[in-house]
Amino acid sequence: MSKILFHLAFPIHDVEATLRFYVDGLGCTVGRRSKQAVTLGLAGHQLVAHVVPDESSKQKGIYPRHFGLTFLSQEDWQALADRAKAKGLSFYQQPRVRFPGTRIEHHTFFLEDPSHNLLEFKHYTHESAIFGEQDFSEVGDASEYSE
């Protein structure tokens, strides 16, 4: 599996604003770019941001659409949270702990890029919660679903 990279394409409205957020802000690397798209490296994975002609309406709440990273180290998660604050990135949700005191407890924060895409960065207290802990039915926060 170590020879497999995740790929995600997503809409943007401005290549230069996207580069400021992802490269200057988050520390992504830049691959190919044109006036219509830019390829980015995020933690070894490929993101491709494509310019769309219309500005779709802003999502209400964090669901259904967002993407991000799950950190295995809380120190690495905290370092990114600190970097995002230092770089003045737009927090959609400030760092917090979800499901405290349970096997699915995790630290999380959400950023909003210039095209209103939401990114979540999290670290689970118990690594088994990443793909396990099937006895828990909670997936997300019910109060965060858009209406």
C-alpha atoms as a PDB file:
ATOM      1  CA  MET A   1       0.000   0.000   0.000  1.00  0.00           C
ATOM      2  CA  SER A   2       2.900   2.422   0.498  1.00  0.00           C
ATOM      3  CA  LYS A   3       3.156   2.780  -3.284  1.00  0.00           C
ATOM      4  CA  ILE A   4      -0.378   4.130  -3.562  1.00  0.00           C
ATOM      5  CA  LEU A   5      -1.254   7.816  -3.375  1.00  0.00           C
ATOM      6  CA  PHE A   6      -4.666   9.313  -2.783  1.00  0.00           C
ATOM      7  CA  HIS A   7      -5.956  11.743  -5.462  1.00  0.00           C
ATOM      8  CA  LEU A   8      -8.654  14.357  -4.978  1.00  0.00           C
ATOM      9  CA  ALA A   9      -9.929  16.945  -7.464  1.00  0.00           C
ATOM     10  CA  PHE A  10     -11.955  19.890  -6.189  1.00  0.00           C
ATOM     11  CA  PRO A  11     -13.372  23.201  -7.464  1.00  0.00           C
ATOM     12  CA  ILE A  12     -11.758  26.607  -6.985  1.00  0.00           C
ATOM     13  CA  HIS A  13     -12.421  30.124  -8.208  1.00  0.00           C
ATOM     14  CA  ASP A  14      -8.934  31.671  -8.243  1.00  0.00           C
ATOM     15  CA  VAL A  15      -5.596  29.919  -8.831  1.00  0.00           C
ATOM     16  CA  GLU A  16      -3.479  32.593  -7.111  1.00  0.00           C
ATOM     17  CA  ALA A  17      -5.658  32.675  -3.972  1.00  0.00           C
ATOM     18  CA  THR A  18      -5.546  28.868  -3.936  1.00  0.00           C
ATOM     19  CA  LEU A  19      -1.742  28.886  -4.116  1.00  0.00           C
ATOM     20  CA  ARG A  20      -1.528  31.384  -1.237  1.00  0.00           C
ATOM     21  CA  PHE A  21      -3.773  29.224   0.958  1.00  0.00           C
ATOM     22  CA  TYR A  22      -2.397  25.773   0.125  1.00  0.00           C
ATOM     23  CA  VAL A  23       1.278  26.533  -0.534  1.00  0.00           C
ATOM     24  CA  ASP A  24       2.067  29.584   1.591  1.00  0.00           C
ATOM     25  CA  GLY A  25      -0.469  28.689   4.288  1.00  0.00           C
ATOM     26  CA  LEU A  26      -0.528  24.893   4.564  1.00  0.00           C
ATOM     27  CA  GLY A  27       2.915  24.199   3.094  1.00  0.00           C
ATOM     28  CA  CYS A  28       1.757  22.123   0.105  1.00  0.00           C
ATOM     29  CA  THR A  29       4.101  21.576  -2.824  1.00  0.00           C
ATOM     30  CA  VAL A  30       3.197  22.715  -6.343  1.00  0.00           C
ATOM     31  CA  GLY A  31       3.228  20.461  -9.371  1.00  0.00           C
ATOM     32  CA  ARG A  32       1.830  21.350 -12.760  1.00  0.00           C
ATOM     33  CA  ARG A  33      -0.254  24.476 -13.136  1.00  0.00           C
ATOM     34  CA  SER A  34      -2.196  26.368 -15.744  1.00  0.00           C
ATOM     35  CA  LYS A  35      -4.783  29.151 -15.759  1.00  0.00           C
ATOM     36  CA  GLN A  36      -7.463  26.504 -15.204  1.00  0.00           C
ATOM     37  CA  ALA A  37      -5.915  24.120 -12.660  1.00  0.00           C
ATOM     38  CA  VAL A  38      -3.066  23.487 -10.263  1.00  0.00           C
ATOM     39  CA  THR A  39      -1.653  20.205  -8.935  1.00  0.00           C
ATOM     40  CA  LEU A  40      -0.687  20.247  -5.244  1.00  0.00           C
ATOM     41  CA  GLY A  41       1.103  17.834  -2.945  1.00  0.00           C
ATOM     42  CA  LEU A  42      -0.439  17.476   0.526  1.00  0.00           C
ATOM     43  CA  ALA A  43       1.376  15.045   2.830  1.00  0.00           C
ATOM     44  CA  GLY A  44       2.444  13.004  -0.184  1.00  0.00           C
ATOM     45  CA  HIS A  45      -1.009  12.903  -1.778  1.00  0.00           C
ATOM     46  CA  GLN A  46      -2.169  14.592  -4.982  1.00  0.00           C
ATOM     47  CA  LEU A  47      -4.748  17.357  -4.966  1.00  0.00           C
ATOM     48  CA  VAL A  48      -5.869  18.946  -8.222  1.00  0.00           C
ATOM     49  CA  ALA A  49      -7.720  22.238  -7.931  1.00  0.00           C
ATOM     50  CA  HIS A  50      -9.823  23.061 -11.008  1.00  0.00           C
ATOM     51  CA  VAL A  51     -11.226  26.519 -11.744  1.00  0.00           C
ATOM     52  CA  VAL A  52     -15.004  26.472 -12.151  1.00  0.00           C
ATOM     53  CA  PRO A  53     -16.820  29.303 -13.907  1.00  0.00           C
ATOM     54  CA  ASP A  54     -19.584  29.847 -11.361  1.00  0.00           C
ATOM     55  CA  GLU A  55     -19.290  30.390  -7.664  1.00  0.00           C
ATOM     56  CA  SER A  56     -21.526  27.717  -6.235  1.00  0.00           C
ATOM     57  CA  SER A  57     -23.349  28.492  -3.035  1.00  0.00           C
ATOM     58  CA  LYS A  58     -21.446  28.141   0.183  1.00  0.00           C
ATOM     59  CA  GLN A  59     -22.112  24.890   2.040  1.00  0.00           C
ATOM     60  CA  LYS A  60     -24.066  25.221   5.300  1.00  0.00           C
ATOM     61  CA  GLY A  61     -22.267  23.233   7.969  1.00  0.00           C
ATOM     62  CA  ILE A  62     -19.343  20.828   7.628  1.00  0.00           C
ATOM     63  CA  TYR A  63     -21.308  18.086   5.865  1.00  0.00           C
ATOM     64  CA  PRO A  64     -21.532  16.543   3.428  1.00  0.00           C
ATOM     65  CA  ARG A  65     -18.368  17.742   1.703  1.00  0.00           C
ATOM     66  CA  HIS A  66     -14.930  18.277   3.221  1.00  0.00           C
ATOM     67  CA  PHE A  67     -11.491  16.662   3.034  1.00  0.00           C
ATOM     68  CA  GLY A  68      -8.281  16.725   5.025  1.00  0.00           C
ATOM     69  CA  LEU A  69      -5.755  14.693   6.937  1.00  0.00           C
ATOM     70  CA  THR A  70      -5.797  12.371   9.935  1.00  0.00           C
ATOM     71  CA  PHE A  71      -2.576  12.722  11.916  1.00  0.00           C
ATOM     72  CA  LEU A  72      -1.093   9.789  13.805  1.00  0.00           C
ATOM     73  CA  SER A  73       0.804  12.198  16.060  1.00  0.00           C
ATOM     74  CA  GLN A  74      -0.920  14.826  18.192  1.00  0.00           C
ATOM     75  CA  GLU A  75       2.256  16.907  18.045  1.00  0.00           C
ATOM     76  CA  ASP A  76       2.075  17.010  14.221  1.00  0.00           C
ATOM     77  CA  TRP A  77      -1.622  17.905  14.394  1.00  0.00           C
ATOM     78  CA  GLN A  78      -0.867  20.725  16.846  1.00  0.00           C
ATOM     79  CA  ALA A  79       2.009  21.970  14.670  1.00  0.00           C
ATOM     80  CA  LEU A  80      -0.357  22.358  11.707  1.00  0.00           C
ATOM     81  CA  ALA A  81      -2.968  24.095  13.868  1.00  0.00           C
ATOM     82  CA  ASP A  82      -0.270  26.496  15.080  1.00  0.00           C
ATOM     83  CA  ARG A  83       0.962  27.073  11.497  1.00  0.00           C
ATOM     84  CA  ALA A  84      -2.579  27.784  10.271  1.00  0.00           C
ATOM     85  CA  LYS A  85      -3.044  30.361  13.040  1.00  0.00           C
ATOM     86  CA  ALA A  86       0.357  31.956  12.371  1.00  0.00           C
ATOM     87  CA  LYS A  87      -0.376  32.187   8.637  1.00  0.00           C
ATOM     88  CA  GLY A  88      -3.785  33.754   9.265  1.00  0.00           C
ATOM     89  CA  LEU A  89      -5.749  30.986   7.566  1.00  0.00           C
ATOM     90  CA  SER A  90      -9.525  31.072   7.888  1.00  0.00           C
ATOM     91  CA  PHE A  91     -10.753  28.702  10.589  1.00  0.00           C
ATOM     92  CA  TYR A  92     -14.252  27.403   9.937  1.00  0.00           C
ATOM     93  CA  GLN A  93     -14.076  25.672  13.341  1.00  0.00           C
ATOM     94  CA  GLN A  94     -11.386  26.286  15.932  1.00  0.00           C
ATOM     95  CA  PRO A  95      -9.402  23.351  17.360  1.00  0.00           C
ATOM     96  CA  ARG A  96     -11.509  21.301  19.756  1.00  0.00           C
ATOM     97  CA  VAL A  97     -12.055  17.790  21.098  1.00  0.00           C
ATOM     98  CA  ARG A  98     -14.962  15.743  19.762  1.00  0.00           C
ATOM     99  CA  PHE A  99     -16.479  12.801  21.647  1.00  0.00           C
ATOM    100  CA  PRO A 100     -14.316  13.399  24.760  1.00  0.00           C
ATOM    101  CA  GLY A 101     -13.722  10.475  27.072  1.00  0.00           C
ATOM    102  CA  THR A 102     -14.720   7.848  24.500  1.00  0.00           C
ATOM    103  CA  ARG A 103     -12.791   5.449  22.254  1.00  0.00           C
ATOM    104  CA  ILE A 104     -13.553   7.769  19.315  1.00  0.00           C
ATOM    105  CA  GLU A 105     -12.243  10.926  21.013  1.00  0.00           C
ATOM    106  CA  HIS A 106     -10.333  13.114  18.592  1.00  0.00           C
ATOM    107  CA  HIS A 107      -8.870  16.583  18.245  1.00  0.00           C
ATOM    108  CA  THR A 108     -10.126  18.421  15.178  1.00  0.00           C
ATOM    109  CA  PHE A 109     -10.233  21.756  13.404  1.00  0.00           C
ATOM    110  CA  PHE A 110     -11.660  22.913  10.101  1.00  0.00           C
ATOM    111  CA  LEU A 111     -10.202  25.443   7.691  1.00  0.00           C
ATOM    112  CA  GLU A 112     -12.013  27.167   4.835  1.00  0.00           C
ATOM    113  CA  ASP A 113     -10.073  27.859   1.648  1.00  0.00           C
ATOM    114  CA  PRO A 114     -10.682  30.956  -0.529  1.00  0.00           C
ATOM    115  CA  SER A 115     -13.204  28.994  -2.661  1.00  0.00           C
ATOM    116  CA  HIS A 116     -15.164  27.894   0.447  1.00  0.00           C
ATOM    117  CA  ASN A 117     -13.878  24.302   0.397  1.00  0.00           C
ATOM    118  CA  LEU A 118     -13.694  22.910   3.929  1.00  0.00           C
ATOM    119  CA  LEU A 119     -10.670  20.980   5.173  1.00  0.00           C
ATOM    120  CA  GLU A 120     -10.617  18.940   8.384  1.00  0.00           C
ATOM    121  CA  PHE A 121      -7.459  18.009  10.252  1.00  0.00           C
ATOM    122  CA  LYS A 122      -7.738  15.543  13.092  1.00  0.00           C
ATOM    123  CA  HIS A 123      -5.896  13.266  15.486  1.00  0.00           C
ATOM    124  CA  TYR A 124      -7.573  10.344  17.267  1.00  0.00           C
ATOM    125  CA  THR A 125      -6.617   9.665  20.878  1.00  0.00           C
ATOM    126  CA  HIS A 126      -7.034   5.942  20.150  1.00  0.00           C
ATOM    127  CA  GLU A 127      -5.649   4.980  16.749  1.00  0.00           C
ATOM    128  CA  SER A 128      -8.171   2.118  16.575  1.00  0.00           C
ATOM    129  CA  ALA A 129     -10.901   4.722  15.943  1.00  0.00           C
ATOM    130  CA  ILE A 130      -9.512   5.591  12.500  1.00  0.00           C
ATOM    131  CA  PHE A 131     -10.996   2.478  10.876  1.00  0.00           C
ATOM    132  CA  GLY A 132     -12.334   0.525  13.842  1.00  0.00           C
ATOM    133  CA  GLU A 133     -14.496   0.920  16.938  1.00  0.00           C
ATOM    134  CA  GLN A 134     -17.559  -0.430  15.101  1.00  0.00           C
ATOM    135  CA  ASP A 135     -19.476  -0.561  18.398  1.00  0.00           C
ATOM    136  CA  PHE A 136     -19.827   3.235  18.166  1.00  0.00           C
ATOM    137  CA  SER A 137     -22.569   4.484  15.849  1.00  0.00           C
ATOM    138  CA  GLU A 138     -21.439   8.115  15.953  1.00  0.00           C
ATOM    139  CA  VAL A 139     -20.032   9.346  12.671  1.00  0.00           C
ATOM    140  CA  GLY A 140     -19.807  13.123  12.718  1.00  0.00           C
ATOM    141  CA  ASP A 141     -21.913  15.549  14.716  1.00  0.00           C
ATOM    142  CA  ALA A 142     -25.658  15.508  14.065  1.00  0.00           C
ATOM    143  CA  SER A 143     -25.856  19.255  14.772  1.00  0.00           C
ATOM    144  CA  GLU A 144     -23.447  19.964  11.906  1.00  0.00           C
ATOM    145  CA  TYR A 145     -25.552  18.622   9.044  1.00  0.00           C
ATOM    146  CA  SER A 146     -26.813  21.325   6.702  1.00  0.00           C
ATOM    147  CA  GLU A 147     -30.529  21.700   6.245  1.00  0.00           C
END
